[in-house]
């Protein structure tokens, strides 16, 4: 079984900073599950879809291919072969991620992927 540390809490309190520091100390990989919601939101916006359109968001969530690449104890998230991490940390994507993550079926698909 692989090592796993889960850190939960509100946005902006340093979960990622602490997680990355722990990953480095214990020589394990850090994985930000919140980035998956942001990546899906980015994909939805790139497709010109309203993040509150449950049916359209779910269609995208069902079709995307998630991959990951470890670099410096951090798992980088790729969605359909693209690592959009430089594009997902802005207000527009953050707002869309909140809407996307509120869609129960999309949330289940992402949580199933996270468990893998």
C-alpha atoms as a PDB file:
ATOM      1  CA  UNK A   1       0.000   0.000   0.000  1.00  0.00           C
ATOM      2  CA  UNK A   2       1.305   3.450  -0.852  1.00  0.00           C
ATOM      3  CA  UNK A   3       1.677   6.162   1.760  1.00  0.00           C
ATOM      4  CA  UNK A   4      -1.122   8.687   1.911  1.00  0.00           C
ATOM      5  CA  UNK A   5      -1.621  11.853   3.912  1.00  0.00           C
ATOM      6  CA  UNK A   6      -4.884  13.773   3.550  1.00  0.00           C
ATOM      7  CA  UNK A   7      -5.159  17.451   4.457  1.00  0.00           C
ATOM      8  CA  UNK A   8      -8.577  19.071   4.469  1.00  0.00           C
ATOM      9  CA  UNK A   9      -9.559  22.651   5.165  1.00  0.00           C
ATOM     10  CA  UNK A  10     -10.836  25.875   3.642  1.00  0.00           C
ATOM     11  CA  UNK A  11      -9.197  27.602   0.696  1.00  0.00           C
ATOM     12  CA  UNK A  12      -6.154  29.752   1.250  1.00  0.00           C
ATOM     13  CA  UNK A  13      -4.951  28.317   4.567  1.00  0.00           C
ATOM     14  CA  UNK A  14      -1.763  26.662   3.306  1.00  0.00           C
ATOM     15  CA  UNK A  15      -2.840  23.062   2.684  1.00  0.00           C
ATOM     16  CA  UNK A  16      -0.704  22.823  -0.459  1.00  0.00           C
ATOM     17  CA  UNK A  17       2.331  24.419   1.168  1.00  0.00           C
ATOM     18  CA  UNK A  18       2.165  22.000   4.102  1.00  0.00           C
ATOM     19  CA  UNK A  19       1.458  19.056   1.790  1.00  0.00           C
ATOM     20  CA  UNK A  20       4.436  19.824  -0.441  1.00  0.00           C
ATOM     21  CA  UNK A  21       6.726  20.210   2.578  1.00  0.00           C
ATOM     22  CA  UNK A  22       5.545  16.872   4.026  1.00  0.00           C
ATOM     23  CA  UNK A  23       5.952  15.158   0.657  1.00  0.00           C
ATOM     24  CA  UNK A  24       9.520  16.363   0.391  1.00  0.00           C
ATOM     25  CA  UNK A  25      10.358  15.409   3.992  1.00  0.00           C
ATOM     26  CA  UNK A  26       8.915  11.904   3.687  1.00  0.00           C
ATOM     27  CA  UNK A  27       9.984  11.420   0.048  1.00  0.00           C
ATOM     28  CA  UNK A  28       6.466  10.806  -1.202  1.00  0.00           C
ATOM     29  CA  UNK A  29       4.433  12.589  -3.869  1.00  0.00           C
ATOM     30  CA  UNK A  30       2.078  15.472  -3.186  1.00  0.00           C
ATOM     31  CA  UNK A  31      -1.217  15.478  -5.050  1.00  0.00           C
ATOM     32  CA  UNK A  32      -3.601  18.424  -4.934  1.00  0.00           C
ATOM     33  CA  UNK A  33      -7.077  17.013  -5.480  1.00  0.00           C
ATOM     34  CA  UNK A  34      -8.427  20.551  -5.746  1.00  0.00           C
ATOM     35  CA  UNK A  35      -6.404  21.014  -8.923  1.00  0.00           C
ATOM     36  CA  UNK A  36      -8.524  18.338 -10.571  1.00  0.00           C
ATOM     37  CA  UNK A  37     -11.664  20.428 -10.072  1.00  0.00           C
ATOM     38  CA  UNK A  38      -9.826  23.468 -11.399  1.00  0.00           C
ATOM     39  CA  UNK A  39      -8.574  21.481 -14.408  1.00  0.00           C
ATOM     40  CA  UNK A  40     -12.085  20.263 -15.186  1.00  0.00           C
ATOM     41  CA  UNK A  41     -13.405  23.813 -14.799  1.00  0.00           C
ATOM     42  CA  UNK A  42     -10.681  25.084 -17.133  1.00  0.00           C
ATOM     43  CA  UNK A  43     -11.639  22.413 -19.697  1.00  0.00           C
ATOM     44  CA  UNK A  44     -15.313  23.384 -19.404  1.00  0.00           C
ATOM     45  CA  UNK A  45     -14.488  27.076 -19.939  1.00  0.00           C
ATOM     46  CA  UNK A  46     -12.166  26.236 -22.853  1.00  0.00           C
ATOM     47  CA  UNK A  47     -15.083  24.414 -24.496  1.00  0.00           C
ATOM     48  CA  UNK A  48     -17.300  27.486 -24.024  1.00  0.00           C
ATOM     49  CA  UNK A  49     -19.626  25.637 -21.674  1.00  0.00           C
ATOM     50  CA  UNK A  50     -21.481  27.198 -18.773  1.00  0.00           C
ATOM     51  CA  UNK A  51     -20.040  25.605 -15.585  1.00  0.00           C
ATOM     52  CA  UNK A  52     -23.591  25.366 -14.217  1.00  0.00           C
ATOM     53  CA  UNK A  53     -24.796  23.296 -17.184  1.00  0.00           C
ATOM     54  CA  UNK A  54     -24.833  19.978 -15.335  1.00  0.00           C
ATOM     55  CA  UNK A  55     -25.432  17.822 -18.399  1.00  0.00           C
ATOM     56  CA  UNK A  56     -22.644  19.398 -20.463  1.00  0.00           C
ATOM     57  CA  UNK A  57     -20.171  19.383 -17.562  1.00  0.00           C
ATOM     58  CA  UNK A  58     -20.942  15.739 -16.851  1.00  0.00           C
ATOM     59  CA  UNK A  59     -20.373  14.833 -20.515  1.00  0.00           C
ATOM     60  CA  UNK A  60     -16.911  16.392 -20.357  1.00  0.00           C
ATOM     61  CA  UNK A  61     -16.150  14.804 -16.974  1.00  0.00           C
ATOM     62  CA  UNK A  62     -17.041  11.378 -18.365  1.00  0.00           C
ATOM     63  CA  UNK A  63     -14.828  11.775 -21.443  1.00  0.00           C
ATOM     64  CA  UNK A  64     -11.644  13.357 -20.123  1.00  0.00           C
ATOM     65  CA  UNK A  65      -8.499  11.319 -19.650  1.00  0.00           C
ATOM     66  CA  UNK A  66      -6.539  12.056 -16.480  1.00  0.00           C
ATOM     67  CA  UNK A  67      -2.815  11.413 -16.305  1.00  0.00           C
ATOM     68  CA  UNK A  68      -0.146  12.444 -13.823  1.00  0.00           C
ATOM     69  CA  UNK A  69       3.569  13.039 -13.865  1.00  0.00           C
ATOM     70  CA  UNK A  70       5.748  13.209 -10.772  1.00  0.00           C
ATOM     71  CA  UNK A  71       8.198  16.096 -10.584  1.00  0.00           C
ATOM     72  CA  UNK A  72      10.011  17.181  -7.409  1.00  0.00           C
ATOM     73  CA  UNK A  73       7.635  15.210  -5.154  1.00  0.00           C
ATOM     74  CA  UNK A  74       4.568  16.788  -6.802  1.00  0.00           C
ATOM     75  CA  UNK A  75       2.149  14.950  -9.077  1.00  0.00           C
ATOM     76  CA  UNK A  76       1.307  17.259 -11.959  1.00  0.00           C
ATOM     77  CA  UNK A  77      -2.226  16.808 -13.257  1.00  0.00           C
ATOM     78  CA  UNK A  78      -2.866  16.410 -16.982  1.00  0.00           C
ATOM     79  CA  UNK A  79      -6.309  16.560 -18.529  1.00  0.00           C
ATOM     80  CA  UNK A  80      -6.500  15.139 -22.045  1.00  0.00           C
ATOM     81  CA  UNK A  81      -2.712  15.361 -22.305  1.00  0.00           C
ATOM     82  CA  UNK A  82      -2.500  19.023 -21.242  1.00  0.00           C
ATOM     83  CA  UNK A  83      -1.068  20.238 -17.953  1.00  0.00           C
ATOM     84  CA  UNK A  84      -2.935  23.541 -17.520  1.00  0.00           C
ATOM     85  CA  UNK A  85      -1.519  24.334 -14.063  1.00  0.00           C
ATOM     86  CA  UNK A  86      -0.324  27.749 -15.234  1.00  0.00           C
ATOM     87  CA  UNK A  87      -3.894  28.570 -16.348  1.00  0.00           C
ATOM     88  CA  UNK A  88      -6.046  27.356 -13.463  1.00  0.00           C
ATOM     89  CA  UNK A  89      -5.118  29.643 -10.584  1.00  0.00           C
ATOM     90  CA  UNK A  90      -7.208  32.690 -11.424  1.00  0.00           C
ATOM     91  CA  UNK A  91     -10.582  33.984 -10.267  1.00  0.00           C
ATOM     92  CA  UNK A  92     -12.524  32.893 -13.346  1.00  0.00           C
ATOM     93  CA  UNK A  93     -11.379  29.273 -13.086  1.00  0.00           C
ATOM     94  CA  UNK A  94     -11.800  29.344  -9.303  1.00  0.00           C
ATOM     95  CA  UNK A  95     -15.429  30.443  -9.627  1.00  0.00           C
ATOM     96  CA  UNK A  96     -16.045  27.826 -12.312  1.00  0.00           C
ATOM     97  CA  UNK A  97     -14.392  25.139 -10.167  1.00  0.00           C
ATOM     98  CA  UNK A  98     -16.805  25.939  -7.331  1.00  0.00           C
ATOM     99  CA  UNK A  99     -19.741  25.462  -9.707  1.00  0.00           C
ATOM    100  CA  UNK A 100     -18.327  22.295 -11.286  1.00  0.00           C
ATOM    101  CA  UNK A 101     -17.553  20.741  -7.897  1.00  0.00           C
ATOM    102  CA  UNK A 102     -21.160  21.361  -6.820  1.00  0.00           C
ATOM    103  CA  UNK A 103     -22.408  18.961  -9.522  1.00  0.00           C
ATOM    104  CA  UNK A 104     -22.792  15.644  -7.653  1.00  0.00           C
ATOM    105  CA  UNK A 105     -22.213  13.314 -10.624  1.00  0.00           C
ATOM    106  CA  UNK A 106     -19.089  15.215 -11.738  1.00  0.00           C
ATOM    107  CA  UNK A 107     -17.812  15.195  -8.170  1.00  0.00           C
ATOM    108  CA  UNK A 108     -18.258  11.417  -7.964  1.00  0.00           C
ATOM    109  CA  UNK A 109     -16.300  10.913 -11.192  1.00  0.00           C
ATOM    110  CA  UNK A 110     -13.428  13.056  -9.916  1.00  0.00           C
ATOM    111  CA  UNK A 111     -13.419  11.360  -6.511  1.00  0.00           C
ATOM    112  CA  UNK A 112     -13.323   7.939  -8.224  1.00  0.00           C
ATOM    113  CA  UNK A 113     -10.325   9.119 -10.243  1.00  0.00           C
ATOM    114  CA  UNK A 114      -8.631  10.436  -7.103  1.00  0.00           C
ATOM    115  CA  UNK A 115      -9.005   7.044  -5.433  1.00  0.00           C
ATOM    116  CA  UNK A 116      -7.127   5.401  -8.300  1.00  0.00           C
END
